[in-house]
Amino acid sequence: MLWLMRIKHAVTGLFAVALAMSAAAPAHAEDRVRLLGETTLPHAMDYEGTTVGGLSGIDFDPRTGRYALISDDRSDRQPARAYTADVPLSADGLGPVRLTEVRTLLRPDGTPYPKGTVDPEDVRWDQWNGNLWWSSEGERAAQLIDPSIRAAHQDGSFAGELPLAPNLAMRPETGPKQNEVLEGLTFAAGGGLVVGAMEGPLIEDGESPTTEHGALSRITLQNRSGEVVRQVAYPLDEVFAPSPTGGFSNNGVTAILADGQDPLRYLVMERSFVTGVGNSVRIYEVDLRGATDVQDVESLAQEQVRPVRKTLLADLSEFGLSTVDNVEGMTWGPQVDGARTLVLVSDDNFSPEQTTQVIALALK
């Protein structure tokens, strides 16, 4: 498609200039972030015949003021879908979220995705044409389903699919682990680069994080035709606490967000969950300068590589929130009193014991 074949020279040039720069990101200031407000949506809220829940991605469109929210419903309750919403945000805080539209995400033949064939995780507005791009984790269970990055028109109809890096394919002995796949998606370099972040390490990249050690996941930068410009290793934190019941625990990337026009600077959100304890959510400033290009590295566990640099920007446990739930989505919001804002959303997993939480932060 023409929109996938735009000339890439300007993007490549911008990336090369940024890569050649040696200056590190500005030093972290401890008081740079403050809470603007939080609000919640009712559990299992009905909207136009759909169950609102599992909101795992959010994006703000500065041209229209609309937000996009994607549900990670695997077409179990209703067909895979995305919502649009109004999220009032000002210096006085965060107002009630109002859903304005729901669109079913459709296959190339115009039909909804069948049950269990997709696992939507992140969503971004395409500033070039107004389409919605969304990532899906794929499946490693009874069958192997590759992860994907797809685009949808305004009405939800299929607009295209990005070819992914070969090492992100689900293969019997290699590739992504179950439920640790494409959690993060963002555009960079003015929309010319599509950037995907893996939640956890590939099978061949070693063990997932524990309380004893972190792990290396991968961030992949591609142009719009799918060519891999660069792939880097991202150092995940260890799990923040042991489970008192010996239950499930993990830590992984849940969102990535380009930090301005520089294709080498991002915000990355890590979410750690421990059974019997809860969640820890941290946001990091990430700089790719100096990181090894690992697109041809078969195993990050077997080869010495230099990962990206990261600096803690915000720990959600420090803002006095009513709870720190399963926060998975992150977007830049509108400016408020001259400050940049971040808007976050939590995935309630359609569970009455969790909440759909929207959080707004201001950055000095």
Foldseek 3Di string as FASTA:
>chain_A
DVVLVPDCPLVVVLQVVLLPDDDDDDDADQPFKAFQEKDFDDFQDDDPNHGDFQFQAKEADPVVRKMKTFHQQQCPRHFGKIWIWHWDQASNGTDDIGTDDMAAAADQVRHTDDHPQWGWAYWYAQPVARKIWTKTFFADDPDGHFIWIFIAHPRNYGDGTADEQPQQGDDPQKHADGPFQFQEWEAAQNRQKIKTWTFFDMNQQDDFAAQVAHGWTKMFIAGSNRHTPFMFIDTGGHAPDAAPVNDDKGKTWQYWYDDPHNPFWIKTKMWIQHPPPAIKIWIKIWGNHPWDRCSVPPYNNVDDTRGIDIDTHDIVVPHPDPDDHQKRYWYWHDDYPNWIKIWIWHGQVSDPVGTTMITMMTGD
